[in-house]
């Protein structure tokens, strides 16, 4: 991530091939539920197989 944008974020996303470079992140707060977080990951991660169970 560029510059100080990562400051304050407590959840960070990384590319496995380049673990030293953060792709993004978010500030976790009570409004981010498990369902919301998994939905965000569904937008970030493109999978070739359908999910094992519906969200």
PDB file of N, CA and C in Angstrom:
ATOM      1  N   UNK A   1       0.832  -1.174   0.000  1.00  0.00           N
ATOM      2  CA  UNK A   1       0.000   0.000   0.000  1.00  0.00           C
ATOM      3  C   UNK A   1       0.878   1.239   0.000  1.00  0.00           C
ATOM      4  N   UNK A   2       0.381   2.291  -0.528  1.00  0.00           N
ATOM      5  CA  UNK A   2       1.169   3.499  -0.707  1.00  0.00           C
ATOM      6  C   UNK A   2       1.253   4.301   0.592  1.00  0.00           C
ATOM      7  N   UNK A   3       2.447   4.724   0.925  1.00  0.00           N
ATOM      8  CA  UNK A   3       2.661   5.639   2.034  1.00  0.00           C
ATOM      9  C   UNK A   3       2.030   5.223   3.338  1.00  0.00           C
ATOM     10  N   UNK A   4       1.371   6.202   3.986  1.00  0.00           N
ATOM     11  CA  UNK A   4       0.795   5.979   5.296  1.00  0.00           C
ATOM     12  C   UNK A   4      -0.642   5.505   5.277  1.00  0.00           C
ATOM     13  N   UNK A   5      -1.145   5.065   4.140  1.00  0.00           N
ATOM     14  CA  UNK A   5      -2.537   4.622   4.076  1.00  0.00           C
ATOM     15  C   UNK A   5      -2.811   3.421   4.967  1.00  0.00           C
ATOM     16  N   UNK A   6      -1.798   2.626   5.255  1.00  0.00           N
ATOM     17  CA  UNK A   6      -1.988   1.428   6.073  1.00  0.00           C
ATOM     18  C   UNK A   6      -2.044   1.745   7.564  1.00  0.00           C
ATOM     19  N   UNK A   7      -1.677   2.961   7.942  1.00  0.00           N
ATOM     20  CA  UNK A   7      -1.679   3.327   9.360  1.00  0.00           C
ATOM     21  C   UNK A   7      -3.112   3.283   9.886  1.00  0.00           C
ATOM     22  N   UNK A   8      -3.294   2.597  10.984  1.00  0.00           N
ATOM     23  CA  UNK A   8      -4.618   2.495  11.589  1.00  0.00           C
ATOM     24  C   UNK A   8      -5.398   1.277  11.159  1.00  0.00           C
ATOM     25  N   UNK A   9      -5.023   0.670  10.058  1.00  0.00           N
ATOM     26  CA  UNK A   9      -5.719  -0.530   9.599  1.00  0.00           C
ATOM     27  C   UNK A   9      -5.215  -1.727  10.381  1.00  0.00           C
ATOM     28  N   UNK A  10      -6.144  -2.569  10.806  1.00  0.00           N
ATOM     29  CA  UNK A  10      -5.730  -3.733  11.583  1.00  0.00           C
ATOM     30  C   UNK A  10      -5.976  -5.050  10.861  1.00  0.00           C
ATOM     31  N   UNK A  11      -6.525  -4.989   9.655  1.00  0.00           N
ATOM     32  CA  UNK A  11      -6.654  -6.174   8.797  1.00  0.00           C
ATOM     33  C   UNK A  11      -5.986  -5.816   7.480  1.00  0.00           C
ATOM     34  N   UNK A  12      -5.036  -6.631   7.044  1.00  0.00           N
ATOM     35  CA  UNK A  12      -4.284  -6.347   5.824  1.00  0.00           C
ATOM     36  C   UNK A  12      -4.367  -7.538   4.878  1.00  0.00           C
ATOM     37  N   UNK A  13      -4.403  -7.259   3.570  1.00  0.00           N
ATOM     38  CA  UNK A  13      -4.443  -8.289   2.543  1.00  0.00           C
ATOM     39  C   UNK A  13      -3.115  -8.293   1.802  1.00  0.00           C
ATOM     40  N   UNK A  14      -2.572  -9.498   1.584  1.00  0.00           N
ATOM     41  CA  UNK A  14      -1.282  -9.646   0.908  1.00  0.00           C
ATOM     42  C   UNK A  14      -1.395 -10.636  -0.236  1.00  0.00           C
ATOM     43  N   UNK A  15      -0.562 -10.440  -1.249  1.00  0.00           N
ATOM     44  CA  UNK A  15      -0.419 -11.403  -2.332  1.00  0.00           C
ATOM     45  C   UNK A  15       0.569 -12.462  -1.857  1.00  0.00           C
ATOM     46  N   UNK A  16       0.186 -13.726  -1.946  1.00  0.00           N
ATOM     47  CA  UNK A  16       1.044 -14.816  -1.485  1.00  0.00           C
ATOM     48  C   UNK A  16       2.395 -14.794  -2.196  1.00  0.00           C
ATOM     49  N   UNK A  17       2.409 -14.416  -3.472  1.00  0.00           N
ATOM     50  CA  UNK A  17       3.655 -14.398  -4.245  1.00  0.00           C
ATOM     51  C   UNK A  17       4.580 -13.254  -3.820  1.00  0.00           C
ATOM     52  N   UNK A  18       4.016 -12.186  -3.250  1.00  0.00           N
ATOM     53  CA  UNK A  18       4.803 -11.039  -2.792  1.00  0.00           C
ATOM     54  C   UNK A  18       4.366 -10.660  -1.373  1.00  0.00           C
ATOM     55  N   UNK A  19       4.757 -11.453  -0.382  1.00  0.00           N
ATOM     56  CA  UNK A  19       4.252 -11.229   0.976  1.00  0.00           C
ATOM     57  C   UNK A  19       4.704  -9.928   1.637  1.00  0.00           C
ATOM     58  N   UNK A  20       5.685  -9.252   1.063  1.00  0.00           N
ATOM     59  CA  UNK A  20       6.139  -7.992   1.650  1.00  0.00           C
ATOM     60  C   UNK A  20       5.346  -6.788   1.150  1.00  0.00           C
ATOM     61  N   UNK A  21       4.444  -6.992   0.178  1.00  0.00           N
ATOM     62  CA  UNK A  21       3.647  -5.900  -0.378  1.00  0.00           C
ATOM     63  C   UNK A  21       2.178  -6.092  -0.008  1.00  0.00           C
ATOM     64  N   UNK A  22       1.657  -5.177   0.803  1.00  0.00           N
ATOM     65  CA  UNK A  22       0.242  -5.233   1.177  1.00  0.00           C
ATOM     66  C   UNK A  22      -0.608  -4.745   0.009  1.00  0.00           C
ATOM     67  N   UNK A  23      -1.689  -5.466  -0.298  1.00  0.00           N
ATOM     68  CA  UNK A  23      -2.601  -5.072  -1.365  1.00  0.00           C
ATOM     69  C   UNK A  23      -3.665  -4.101  -0.867  1.00  0.00           C
ATOM     70  N   UNK A  24      -4.036  -4.237   0.376  1.00  0.00           N
ATOM     71  CA  UNK A  24      -5.072  -3.385   0.942  1.00  0.00           C
ATOM     72  C   UNK A  24      -5.376  -3.804   2.360  1.00  0.00           C
ATOM     73  N   UNK A  25      -6.412  -3.213   2.903  1.00  0.00           N
ATOM     74  CA  UNK A  25      -6.789  -3.555   4.257  1.00  0.00           C
ATOM     75  C   UNK A  25      -8.008  -2.779   4.695  1.00  0.00           C
ATOM     76  N   UNK A  26      -8.369  -2.957   5.950  1.00  0.00           N
ATOM     77  CA  UNK A  26      -9.505  -2.235   6.499  1.00  0.00           C
ATOM     78  C   UNK A  26      -9.340  -2.067   7.996  1.00  0.00           C
ATOM     79  N   UNK A  27     -10.099  -1.119   8.521  1.00  0.00           N
ATOM     80  CA  UNK A  27     -10.144  -0.922   9.962  1.00  0.00           C
ATOM     81  C   UNK A  27     -11.319  -1.739  10.466  1.00  0.00           C
ATOM     82  N   UNK A  28     -11.014  -2.726  11.273  1.00  0.00           N
ATOM     83  CA  UNK A  28     -12.051  -3.605  11.792  1.00  0.00           C
ATOM     84  C   UNK A  28     -12.798  -2.899  12.912  1.00  0.00           C
ATOM     85  N   UNK A  29     -14.126  -2.896  12.824  1.00  0.00           N
ATOM     86  CA  UNK A  29     -14.953  -2.311  13.874  1.00  0.00           C
ATOM     87  C   UNK A  29     -16.187  -3.186  14.063  1.00  0.00           C
ATOM     88  N   UNK A  30     -16.997  -2.927  15.081  1.00  0.00           N
ATOM     89  CA  UNK A  30     -18.142  -3.811  15.357  1.00  0.00           C
ATOM     90  C   UNK A  30     -19.154  -3.938  14.217  1.00  0.00           C
ATOM     91  N   UNK A  31     -19.181  -2.983  13.286  1.00  0.00           N
ATOM     92  CA  UNK A  31     -20.141  -3.088  12.186  1.00  0.00           C
ATOM     93  C   UNK A  31     -19.700  -4.088  11.115  1.00  0.00           C
ATOM     94  N   UNK A  32     -18.443  -4.518  11.148  1.00  0.00           N
ATOM     95  CA  UNK A  32     -17.957  -5.525  10.197  1.00  0.00           C
ATOM     96  C   UNK A  32     -18.216  -6.901  10.803  1.00  0.00           C
ATOM     97  N   UNK A  33     -19.244  -7.556  10.298  1.00  0.00           N
ATOM     98  CA  UNK A  33     -19.585  -8.891  10.789  1.00  0.00           C
ATOM     99  C   UNK A  33     -18.815  -9.941  10.000  1.00  0.00           C
ATOM    100  N   UNK A  34     -18.867 -11.165  10.474  1.00  0.00           N
ATOM    101  CA  UNK A  34     -18.228 -12.260   9.751  1.00  0.00           C
ATOM    102  C   UNK A  34     -18.789 -12.399   8.350  1.00  0.00           C
ATOM    103  N   UNK A  35     -20.101 -12.234   8.213  1.00  0.00           N
ATOM    104  CA  UNK A  35     -20.740 -12.335   6.898  1.00  0.00           C
ATOM    105  C   UNK A  35     -20.266 -11.209   5.975  1.00  0.00           C
ATOM    106  N   UNK A  36     -20.172  -9.986   6.509  1.00  0.00           N
ATOM    107  CA  UNK A  36     -19.671  -8.860   5.710  1.00  0.00           C
ATOM    108  C   UNK A  36     -18.238  -9.104   5.256  1.00  0.00           C
ATOM    109  N   UNK A  37     -17.411  -9.581   6.181  1.00  0.00           N
ATOM    110  CA  UNK A  37     -16.004  -9.815   5.867  1.00  0.00           C
ATOM    111  C   UNK A  37     -15.854 -10.881   4.787  1.00  0.00           C
ATOM    112  N   UNK A  38     -16.604 -11.976   4.898  1.00  0.00           N
ATOM    113  CA  UNK A  38     -16.539 -13.022   3.873  1.00  0.00           C
ATOM    114  C   UNK A  38     -17.044 -12.511   2.533  1.00  0.00           C
ATOM    115  N   UNK A  39     -18.027 -11.635   2.551  1.00  0.00           N
ATOM    116  CA  UNK A  39     -18.512 -11.029   1.312  1.00  0.00           C
ATOM    117  C   UNK A  39     -17.417 -10.174   0.671  1.00  0.00           C
ATOM    118  N   UNK A  40     -16.684  -9.408   1.482  1.00  0.00           N
ATOM    119  CA  UNK A  40     -15.562  -8.610   0.964  1.00  0.00           C
ATOM    120  C   UNK A  40     -14.500  -9.508   0.354  1.00  0.00           C
ATOM    121  N   UNK A  41     -14.203 -10.614   1.017  1.00  0.00           N
ATOM    122  CA  UNK A  41     -13.211 -11.542   0.478  1.00  0.00           C
ATOM    123  C   UNK A  41     -13.691 -12.142  -0.837  1.00  0.00           C
ATOM    124  N   UNK A  42     -14.993 -12.375  -0.966  1.00  0.00           N
ATOM    125  CA  UNK A  42     -15.548 -12.897  -2.212  1.00  0.00           C
ATOM    126  C   UNK A  42     -15.346 -11.940  -3.371  1.00  0.00           C
ATOM    127  N   UNK A  43     -15.297 -10.649  -3.081  1.00  0.00           N
ATOM    128  CA  UNK A  43     -15.042  -9.645  -4.115  1.00  0.00           C
ATOM    129  C   UNK A  43     -13.561  -9.631  -4.475  1.00  0.00           C
ATOM    130  N   UNK A  44     -12.697  -9.819  -3.485  1.00  0.00           N
ATOM    131  CA  UNK A  44     -11.252  -9.764  -3.704  1.00  0.00           C
ATOM    132  C   UNK A  44     -10.673 -11.025  -4.310  1.00  0.00           C
ATOM    133  N   UNK A  45     -11.254 -12.174  -3.960  1.00  0.00           N
ATOM    134  CA  UNK A  45     -10.701 -13.461  -4.368  1.00  0.00           C
ATOM    135  C   UNK A  45     -11.565 -14.062  -5.468  1.00  0.00           C
ATOM    136  N   UNK A  46     -10.959 -14.399  -6.579  1.00  0.00           N
ATOM    137  CA  UNK A  46     -11.663 -15.056  -7.674  1.00  0.00           C
ATOM    138  C   UNK A  46     -11.341 -16.542  -7.593  1.00  0.00           C
ATOM    139  N   UNK A  47     -12.361 -17.337  -7.337  1.00  0.00           N
ATOM    140  CA  UNK A  47     -12.170 -18.783  -7.196  1.00  0.00           C
ATOM    141  C   UNK A  47     -12.767 -19.495  -8.398  1.00  0.00           C
ATOM    142  N   UNK A  48     -12.160 -20.608  -8.789  1.00  0.00           N
ATOM    143  CA  UNK A  48     -12.660 -21.355  -9.941  1.00  0.00           C
ATOM    144  C   UNK A  48     -13.758 -22.336  -9.552  1.00  0.00           C
ATOM    145  N   UNK A  49     -13.936 -22.582  -8.265  1.00  0.00           N
ATOM    146  CA  UNK A  49     -14.964 -23.514  -7.799  1.00  0.00           C
ATOM    147  C   UNK A  49     -15.997 -22.753  -6.971  1.00  0.00           C
ATOM    148  N   UNK A  50     -17.240 -23.227  -6.942  1.00  0.00           N
ATOM    149  CA  UNK A  50     -18.254 -22.565  -6.117  1.00  0.00           C
ATOM    150  C   UNK A  50     -17.933 -22.749  -4.631  1.00  0.00           C
ATOM    151  N   UNK A  51     -18.463 -21.881  -3.771  1.00  0.00           N
ATOM    152  CA  UNK A  51     -18.194 -22.042  -2.341  1.00  0.00           C
ATOM    153  C   UNK A  51     -18.760 -23.349  -1.811  1.00  0.00           C
ATOM    154  N   UNK A  52     -18.137 -23.872  -0.778  1.00  0.00           N
ATOM    155  CA  UNK A  52     -18.562 -25.144  -0.193  1.00  0.00           C
ATOM    156  C   UNK A  52     -19.951 -25.044   0.415  1.00  0.00           C
ATOM    157  N   UNK A  53     -20.277 -23.885   0.961  1.00  0.00           N
ATOM    158  CA  UNK A  53     -21.602 -23.673   1.535  1.00  0.00           C
ATOM    159  C   UNK A  53     -21.995 -22.221   1.297  1.00  0.00           C
ATOM    160  N   UNK A  54     -23.279 -21.944   1.169  1.00  0.00           N
ATOM    161  CA  UNK A  54     -23.698 -20.559   0.928  1.00  0.00           C
ATOM    162  C   UNK A  54     -23.432 -19.680   2.142  1.00  0.00           C
ATOM    163  N   UNK A  55     -23.224 -18.394   1.887  1.00  0.00           N
ATOM    164  CA  UNK A  55     -22.977 -17.445   2.984  1.00  0.00           C
ATOM    165  C   UNK A  55     -24.246 -17.127   3.709  1.00  0.00           C
TER     166      UNK A  55
END
